[in-house]
Amino acid sequence: MRAASGGRAHEWTAGAPLVSKTHSVTPIPDGYRCSVELRTLRYFVAVAEELHFGRAATRLHMSQPPLSRAIKRLETEVGAPLFVRSPAGVTLTTVGTVLLDEARSLLHHADRLRARVSAAAGTTTLTIGILGDSTDPAVTRLAAAYRRRHPGIDIRIRDTDLTDPTCGLHAGLVDVALTRAPFDETALTVRALRSDPVGVVLRADDPLARRDGLRLAT
């Protein structure tokens, strides 16, 4: 299992080039020192994946102004813009693309480290995966109820994007996923908790708007 919560600061120090899977990058100059909190990197990854500050703030369950300030401070620390901003949203700069690769790797390693330390300390951790675009308060209520009934278990929430609707369950990153269909159910035990209605928004003059119900084409 892999934990996914804010963490202590991680420090980058000169001495070796920053390596990306897709980009070659100039080595960090000697004497350069950048201290960035893992929480800030999680903020950055959310904005980079959503490409929109508002959606990223919703995903992180926070308001947009502190998120924008955190990204500005990160850009100051890095010494280069990470995003190109526009009214429609944002796009990653070359530096931002490189940092996204490295931040994902670092956060994954931090989650593994936390899980191993918890196991060594004898602490039982239950990691719940949720889709990052979910604002369903039921997730928070479920976690709170479980904590009350099992105070000795550490509950952690791991956000994922829509590229993995199993929320890391197939990859072994979480113990249980609260998600929605469809997804690959191979080797998984699935329990339906509820059925959510799906609606459609139409113009008032649309011929379909006069119907009481619509059926999806198959």
C-alpha atoms as a PDB file:
ATOM      1  CA  MET A   1       0.000   0.000   0.000  1.00  0.00           C
ATOM      2  CA  ARG A   2       1.049   3.553  -0.617  1.00  0.00           C
ATOM      3  CA  ALA A   3       0.241   6.599   1.460  1.00  0.00           C
ATOM      4  CA  ALA A   4      -0.580   9.928  -0.173  1.00  0.00           C
ATOM      5  CA  SER A   5      -0.464  12.890   2.147  1.00  0.00           C
ATOM      6  CA  GLY A   6       1.531  16.091   2.584  1.00  0.00           C
ATOM      7  CA  GLY A   7       5.042  15.642   3.859  1.00  0.00           C
ATOM      8  CA  ARG A   8       8.199  17.277   5.081  1.00  0.00           C
ATOM      9  CA  ALA A   9      10.436  19.344   2.852  1.00  0.00           C
ATOM     10  CA  HIS A  10      12.638  17.594   0.351  1.00  0.00           C
ATOM     11  CA  GLU A  11      15.898  19.235  -0.678  1.00  0.00           C
ATOM     12  CA  TRP A  12      17.591  19.297  -4.059  1.00  0.00           C
ATOM     13  CA  THR A  13      21.316  19.978  -4.011  1.00  0.00           C
ATOM     14  CA  ALA A  14      23.746  20.633  -6.851  1.00  0.00           C
ATOM     15  CA  GLY A  15      26.097  17.876  -7.911  1.00  0.00           C
ATOM     16  CA  ALA A  16      24.203  15.873 -10.517  1.00  0.00           C
ATOM     17  CA  PRO A  17      22.055  16.660 -13.559  1.00  0.00           C
ATOM     18  CA  LEU A  18      18.292  16.532 -13.306  1.00  0.00           C
ATOM     19  CA  VAL A  19      17.202  13.586 -15.435  1.00  0.00           C
ATOM     20  CA  SER A  20      13.840  13.187 -17.111  1.00  0.00           C
ATOM     21  CA  LYS A  21      12.377  10.253 -18.996  1.00  0.00           C
ATOM     22  CA  THR A  22      11.607  12.474 -21.969  1.00  0.00           C
ATOM     23  CA  HIS A  23      13.875  15.503 -21.751  1.00  0.00           C
ATOM     24  CA  SER A  24      17.560  16.221 -21.367  1.00  0.00           C
ATOM     25  CA  VAL A  25      18.181  19.038 -18.909  1.00  0.00           C
ATOM     26  CA  THR A  26      21.169  21.206 -18.126  1.00  0.00           C
ATOM     27  CA  PRO A  27      22.763  20.210 -14.795  1.00  0.00           C
ATOM     28  CA  ILE A  28      21.802  22.334 -11.799  1.00  0.00           C
ATOM     29  CA  PRO A  29      24.502  24.981 -11.276  1.00  0.00           C
ATOM     30  CA  ASP A  30      26.964  24.459  -8.433  1.00  0.00           C
ATOM     31  CA  GLY A  31      25.810  26.156  -5.269  1.00  0.00           C
ATOM     32  CA  TYR A  32      22.138  26.059  -6.266  1.00  0.00           C
ATOM     33  CA  ARG A  33      19.885  24.842  -3.487  1.00  0.00           C
ATOM     34  CA  CYS A  34      16.121  24.415  -3.660  1.00  0.00           C
ATOM     35  CA  SER A  35      13.960  23.263  -0.738  1.00  0.00           C
ATOM     36  CA  VAL A  36      10.420  22.234  -1.709  1.00  0.00           C
ATOM     37  CA  GLU A  37       7.761  20.623   0.464  1.00  0.00           C
ATOM     38  CA  LEU A  38       6.172  17.434  -0.769  1.00  0.00           C
ATOM     39  CA  ARG A  39       2.799  19.082  -0.242  1.00  0.00           C
ATOM     40  CA  THR A  40       3.743  21.799  -2.732  1.00  0.00           C
ATOM     41  CA  LEU A  41       4.785  19.164  -5.257  1.00  0.00           C
ATOM     42  CA  ARG A  42       1.384  17.505  -4.837  1.00  0.00           C
ATOM     43  CA  TYR A  43      -0.234  20.875  -5.548  1.00  0.00           C
ATOM     44  CA  PHE A  44       1.917  21.238  -8.663  1.00  0.00           C
ATOM     45  CA  VAL A  45       1.067  17.742  -9.927  1.00  0.00           C
ATOM     46  CA  ALA A  46      -2.656  18.419  -9.479  1.00  0.00           C
ATOM     47  CA  VAL A  47      -2.474  21.642 -11.513  1.00  0.00           C
ATOM     48  CA  ALA A  48      -0.278  19.969 -14.147  1.00  0.00           C
ATOM     49  CA  GLU A  49      -2.738  17.094 -14.560  1.00  0.00           C
ATOM     50  CA  GLU A  50      -5.890  19.219 -14.526  1.00  0.00           C
ATOM     51  CA  LEU A  51      -4.331  22.108 -16.528  1.00  0.00           C
ATOM     52  CA  HIS A  52      -6.689  24.383 -14.650  1.00  0.00           C
ATOM     53  CA  PHE A  53      -6.247  26.024 -11.230  1.00  0.00           C
ATOM     54  CA  GLY A  54      -9.940  25.891 -10.379  1.00  0.00           C
ATOM     55  CA  ARG A  55     -10.303  22.178 -11.094  1.00  0.00           C
ATOM     56  CA  ALA A  56      -7.030  21.455  -9.286  1.00  0.00           C
ATOM     57  CA  ALA A  57      -8.241  23.369  -6.228  1.00  0.00           C
ATOM     58  CA  THR A  58     -11.473  21.358  -6.216  1.00  0.00           C
ATOM     59  CA  ARG A  59      -9.496  18.129  -6.518  1.00  0.00           C
ATOM     60  CA  LEU A  60      -7.274  19.173  -3.587  1.00  0.00           C
ATOM     61  CA  HIS A  61     -10.276  20.258  -1.493  1.00  0.00           C
ATOM     62  CA  MET A  62      -8.899  23.779  -1.080  1.00  0.00           C
ATOM     63  CA  SER A  63      -9.637  27.281  -2.381  1.00  0.00           C
ATOM     64  CA  GLN A  64      -7.871  28.592  -5.460  1.00  0.00           C
ATOM     65  CA  PRO A  65      -5.948  31.645  -4.041  1.00  0.00           C
ATOM     66  CA  PRO A  66      -3.628  29.669  -1.705  1.00  0.00           C
ATOM     67  CA  LEU A  67      -3.041  27.145  -4.482  1.00  0.00           C
ATOM     68  CA  SER A  68      -2.043  29.919  -6.891  1.00  0.00           C
ATOM     69  CA  ARG A  69       0.294  31.414  -4.281  1.00  0.00           C
ATOM     70  CA  ALA A  70       1.916  28.025  -3.631  1.00  0.00           C
ATOM     71  CA  ILE A  71       2.615  27.541  -7.344  1.00  0.00           C
ATOM     72  CA  LYS A  72       4.030  31.074  -7.601  1.00  0.00           C
ATOM     73  CA  ARG A  73       6.394  30.340  -4.709  1.00  0.00           C
ATOM     74  CA  LEU A  74       7.416  27.082  -6.371  1.00  0.00           C
ATOM     75  CA  GLU A  75       8.212  28.915  -9.612  1.00  0.00           C
ATOM     76  CA  THR A  76      10.323  31.352  -7.602  1.00  0.00           C
ATOM     77  CA  GLU A  77      12.166  28.461  -5.955  1.00  0.00           C
ATOM     78  CA  VAL A  78      12.768  26.722  -9.274  1.00  0.00           C
ATOM     79  CA  GLY A  79      13.732  29.980 -10.958  1.00  0.00           C
ATOM     80  CA  ALA A  80      11.570  29.497 -14.049  1.00  0.00           C
ATOM     81  CA  PRO A  81       7.887  29.570 -15.064  1.00  0.00           C
ATOM     82  CA  LEU A  82       6.191  26.172 -14.822  1.00  0.00           C
ATOM     83  CA  PHE A  83       2.963  27.129 -16.585  1.00  0.00           C
ATOM     84  CA  VAL A  84       1.802  29.339 -19.409  1.00  0.00           C
ATOM     85  CA  ARG A  85      -1.385  30.949 -18.118  1.00  0.00           C
ATOM     86  CA  SER A  86      -4.399  31.903 -20.225  1.00  0.00           C
ATOM     87  CA  PRO A  87      -8.117  32.593 -19.572  1.00  0.00           C
ATOM     88  CA  ALA A  88      -8.903  29.031 -20.711  1.00  0.00           C
ATOM     89  CA  GLY A  89      -6.469  27.412 -18.301  1.00  0.00           C
ATOM     90  CA  VAL A  90      -2.764  26.633 -18.257  1.00  0.00           C
ATOM     91  CA  THR A  91      -0.221  24.627 -20.226  1.00  0.00           C
ATOM     92  CA  LEU A  92       3.087  23.272 -19.024  1.00  0.00           C
ATOM     93  CA  THR A  93       6.343  24.921 -19.999  1.00  0.00           C
ATOM     94  CA  THR A  94       9.351  22.743 -20.846  1.00  0.00           C
ATOM     95  CA  VAL A  95      10.605  23.169 -17.287  1.00  0.00           C
ATOM     96  CA  GLY A  96       7.154  22.290 -15.968  1.00  0.00           C
ATOM     97  CA  THR A  97       7.048  19.102 -18.043  1.00  0.00           C
ATOM     98  CA  VAL A  98      10.402  18.012 -16.639  1.00  0.00           C
ATOM     99  CA  LEU A  99       9.358  18.831 -13.083  1.00  0.00           C
ATOM    100  CA  LEU A 100       6.138  16.843 -13.516  1.00  0.00           C
ATOM    101  CA  ASP A 101       8.103  13.687 -14.358  1.00  0.00           C
ATOM    102  CA  GLU A 102      10.414  14.195 -11.404  1.00  0.00           C
ATOM    103  CA  ALA A 103       7.663  15.193  -8.965  1.00  0.00           C
ATOM    104  CA  ARG A 104       5.596  12.095  -9.748  1.00  0.00           C
ATOM    105  CA  SER A 105       8.631   9.903  -9.184  1.00  0.00           C
ATOM    106  CA  LEU A 106       9.550  11.660  -5.947  1.00  0.00           C
ATOM    107  CA  LEU A 107       6.024  11.515  -4.548  1.00  0.00           C
ATOM    108  CA  HIS A 108       5.744   7.832  -5.417  1.00  0.00           C
ATOM    109  CA  HIS A 109       9.021   7.181  -3.588  1.00  0.00           C
ATOM    110  CA  ALA A 110       7.829   9.215  -0.585  1.00  0.00           C
ATOM    111  CA  ASP A 111       4.622   7.182  -0.428  1.00  0.00           C
ATOM    112  CA  ARG A 112       6.593   3.936  -0.513  1.00  0.00           C
ATOM    113  CA  LEU A 113       8.914   5.227   2.198  1.00  0.00           C
ATOM    114  CA  ARG A 114       6.032   6.201   4.466  1.00  0.00           C
ATOM    115  CA  ALA A 115       4.389   2.804   4.010  1.00  0.00           C
ATOM    116  CA  ARG A 116       7.604   0.909   4.820  1.00  0.00           C
ATOM    117  CA  VAL A 117       8.275   3.012   7.909  1.00  0.00           C
ATOM    118  CA  SER A 118       4.709   2.503   9.127  1.00  0.00           C
ATOM    119  CA  ALA A 119       5.050  -1.248   8.619  1.00  0.00           C
ATOM    120  CA  ALA A 120       8.343  -1.310  10.520  1.00  0.00           C
ATOM    121  CA  ALA A 121       6.763   0.640  13.390  1.00  0.00           C
ATOM    122  CA  GLY A 122       3.864  -1.792  13.553  1.00  0.00           C
ATOM    123  CA  THR A 123       1.328   0.827  12.499  1.00  0.00           C
ATOM    124  CA  THR A 124      -1.581  -0.458  10.444  1.00  0.00           C
ATOM    125  CA  THR A 125      -2.373   1.817   7.510  1.00  0.00           C
ATOM    126  CA  LEU A 126      -5.406   1.643   5.227  1.00  0.00           C
ATOM    127  CA  THR A 127      -4.963   3.593   2.001  1.00  0.00           C
ATOM    128  CA  ILE A 128      -8.130   4.556   0.127  1.00  0.00           C
ATOM    129  CA  GLY A 129      -7.932   5.574  -3.519  1.00  0.00           C
ATOM    130  CA  ILE A 130     -10.358   8.121  -4.939  1.00  0.00           C
ATOM    131  CA  LEU A 131     -10.667   9.848  -8.281  1.00  0.00           C
ATOM    132  CA  GLY A 132      -9.054  13.268  -8.136  1.00  0.00           C
ATOM    133  CA  ASP A 133     -12.076  14.964  -9.750  1.00  0.00           C
ATOM    134  CA  SER A 134     -14.383  13.699  -7.020  1.00  0.00           C
ATOM    135  CA  THR A 135     -15.792  16.240  -4.564  1.00  0.00           C
ATOM    136  CA  ASP A 136     -18.145  13.709  -2.964  1.00  0.00           C
ATOM    137  CA  PRO A 137     -18.277  14.438   0.802  1.00  0.00           C
ATOM    138  CA  ALA A 138     -19.269  10.798   1.367  1.00  0.00           C
ATOM    139  CA  VAL A 139     -15.584   9.842   1.087  1.00  0.00           C
ATOM    140  CA  THR A 140     -14.673  12.080   4.009  1.00  0.00           C
ATOM    141  CA  ARG A 141     -17.635  10.818   6.039  1.00  0.00           C
ATOM    142  CA  LEU A 142     -16.690   7.177   5.400  1.00  0.00           C
ATOM    143  CA  ALA A 143     -13.085   7.780   6.418  1.00  0.00           C
ATOM    144  CA  ALA A 144     -14.160   9.624   9.579  1.00  0.00           C
ATOM    145  CA  ALA A 145     -16.593   6.865  10.543  1.00  0.00           C
ATOM    146  CA  TYR A 146     -13.941   4.198  10.022  1.00  0.00           C
ATOM    147  CA  ARG A 147     -11.453   6.128  12.170  1.00  0.00           C
ATOM    148  CA  ARG A 148     -13.978   6.306  15.010  1.00  0.00           C
ATOM    149  CA  ARG A 149     -14.615   2.566  14.895  1.00  0.00           C
ATOM    150  CA  HIS A 150     -10.934   1.646  14.409  1.00  0.00           C
ATOM    151  CA  PRO A 151      -8.821   4.306  16.162  1.00  0.00           C
ATOM    152  CA  GLY A 152      -5.656   2.214  15.879  1.00  0.00           C
ATOM    153  CA  ILE A 153      -5.667   2.278  12.073  1.00  0.00           C
ATOM    154  CA  ASP A 154      -4.130   5.141  10.103  1.00  0.00           C
ATOM    155  CA  ILE A 155      -6.436   6.147   7.218  1.00  0.00           C
ATOM    156  CA  ARG A 156      -4.838   7.761   4.179  1.00  0.00           C
ATOM    157  CA  ILE A 157      -6.489   9.111   1.027  1.00  0.00           C
ATOM    158  CA  ARG A 158      -4.746   8.871  -2.359  1.00  0.00           C
ATOM    159  CA  ASP A 159      -6.049  10.995  -5.252  1.00  0.00           C
ATOM    160  CA  THR A 160      -5.664   9.706  -8.799  1.00  0.00           C
ATOM    161  CA  ASP A 161      -6.753  11.037 -12.173  1.00  0.00           C
ATOM    162  CA  LEU A 162      -9.111   9.490 -14.707  1.00  0.00           C
ATOM    163  CA  THR A 163      -6.261   7.696 -16.488  1.00  0.00           C
ATOM    164  CA  ASP A 164      -6.558   5.036 -13.763  1.00  0.00           C
ATOM    165  CA  PRO A 165     -10.199   4.559 -12.696  1.00  0.00           C
ATOM    166  CA  THR A 166      -9.114   1.804 -10.276  1.00  0.00           C
ATOM    167  CA  CYS A 167      -7.307   4.566  -8.312  1.00  0.00           C
ATOM    168  CA  GLY A 168      -4.085   2.563  -8.074  1.00  0.00           C
ATOM    169  CA  LEU A 169      -5.713  -0.681  -6.915  1.00  0.00           C
ATOM    170  CA  HIS A 170      -4.394  -2.738  -9.846  1.00  0.00           C
ATOM    171  CA  ALA A 171      -0.918  -1.297  -9.269  1.00  0.00           C
ATOM    172  CA  GLY A 172      -0.997  -2.151  -5.571  1.00  0.00           C
ATOM    173  CA  LEU A 173      -0.841   1.505  -4.498  1.00  0.00           C
ATOM    174  CA  VAL A 174      -4.046   1.423  -2.438  1.00  0.00           C
ATOM    175  CA  ASP A 175      -5.976  -1.113  -0.364  1.00  0.00           C
ATOM    176  CA  VAL A 176      -9.444  -0.129  -1.504  1.00  0.00           C
ATOM    177  CA  ALA A 177     -10.803   2.206  -4.188  1.00  0.00           C
ATOM    178  CA  LEU A 178     -13.930   4.330  -4.105  1.00  0.00           C
ATOM    179  CA  THR A 179     -14.515   4.910  -7.787  1.00  0.00           C
ATOM    180  CA  ARG A 180     -17.112   4.625 -10.510  1.00  0.00           C
ATOM    181  CA  ALA A 181     -17.581   2.335 -13.480  1.00  0.00           C
ATOM    182  CA  PRO A 182     -16.509   1.419 -16.057  1.00  0.00           C
ATOM    183  CA  PHE A 183     -13.087  -0.033 -15.277  1.00  0.00           C
ATOM    184  CA  ASP A 184     -11.190  -3.304 -15.622  1.00  0.00           C
ATOM    185  CA  GLU A 185     -12.549  -5.597 -12.886  1.00  0.00           C
ATOM    186  CA  THR A 186     -10.018  -8.373 -13.528  1.00  0.00           C
ATOM    187  CA  ALA A 187      -8.742  -9.849 -10.223  1.00  0.00           C
ATOM    188  CA  LEU A 188     -10.802  -7.315  -8.240  1.00  0.00           C
ATOM    189  CA  THR A 189     -13.714  -7.792  -5.862  1.00  0.00           C
ATOM    190  CA  VAL A 190     -16.320  -5.131  -6.633  1.00  0.00           C
ATOM    191  CA  ARG A 191     -19.202  -4.010  -4.441  1.00  0.00           C
ATOM    192  CA  ALA A 192     -21.750  -1.434  -5.622  1.00  0.00           C
ATOM    193  CA  LEU A 193     -22.373   1.150  -2.877  1.00  0.00           C
ATOM    194  CA  ARG A 194     -24.953   3.214  -4.717  1.00  0.00           C
ATOM    195  CA  SER A 195     -26.264   4.176  -8.135  1.00  0.00           C
ATOM    196  CA  ASP A 196     -25.984   7.814  -9.153  1.00  0.00           C
ATOM    197  CA  PRO A 197     -28.448   9.298 -11.654  1.00  0.00           C
ATOM    198  CA  VAL A 198     -27.026  10.638 -14.905  1.00  0.00           C
ATOM    199  CA  GLY A 199     -28.645  13.669 -16.478  1.00  0.00           C
ATOM    200  CA  VAL A 200     -28.364  15.644 -19.683  1.00  0.00           C
ATOM    201  CA  VAL A 201     -28.615  19.409 -20.242  1.00  0.00           C
ATOM    202  CA  LEU A 202     -30.375  20.544 -23.423  1.00  0.00           C
ATOM    203  CA  ARG A 203     -31.423  23.827 -24.965  1.00  0.00           C
ATOM    204  CA  ALA A 204     -35.075  24.632 -24.372  1.00  0.00           C
ATOM    205  CA  ASP A 205     -35.779  24.541 -28.130  1.00  0.00           C
ATOM    206  CA  ASP A 206     -34.063  21.168 -28.666  1.00  0.00           C
ATOM    207  CA  PRO A 207     -36.606  18.532 -29.867  1.00  0.00           C
ATOM    208  CA  LEU A 208     -35.202  16.076 -27.316  1.00  0.00           C
ATOM    209  CA  ALA A 209     -36.051  18.463 -24.493  1.00  0.00           C
ATOM    210  CA  ARG A 210     -39.756  17.583 -24.855  1.00  0.00           C
ATOM    211  CA  ARG A 211     -39.100  13.950 -23.937  1.00  0.00           C
ATOM    212  CA  ASP A 212     -39.525  12.650 -20.411  1.00  0.00           C
ATOM    213  CA  GLY A 213     -36.478  10.407 -20.698  1.00  0.00           C
ATOM    214  CA  LEU A 214     -33.591   9.581 -23.005  1.00  0.00           C
ATOM    215  CA  ARG A 215     -31.732   6.354 -23.649  1.00  0.00           C
ATOM    216  CA  LEU A 216     -28.034   6.153 -24.492  1.00  0.00           C
ATOM    217  CA  ALA A 217     -27.275   4.652 -27.908  1.00  0.00           C
ATOM    218  CA  THR A 218     -25.537   1.262 -27.793  1.00  0.00           C
END
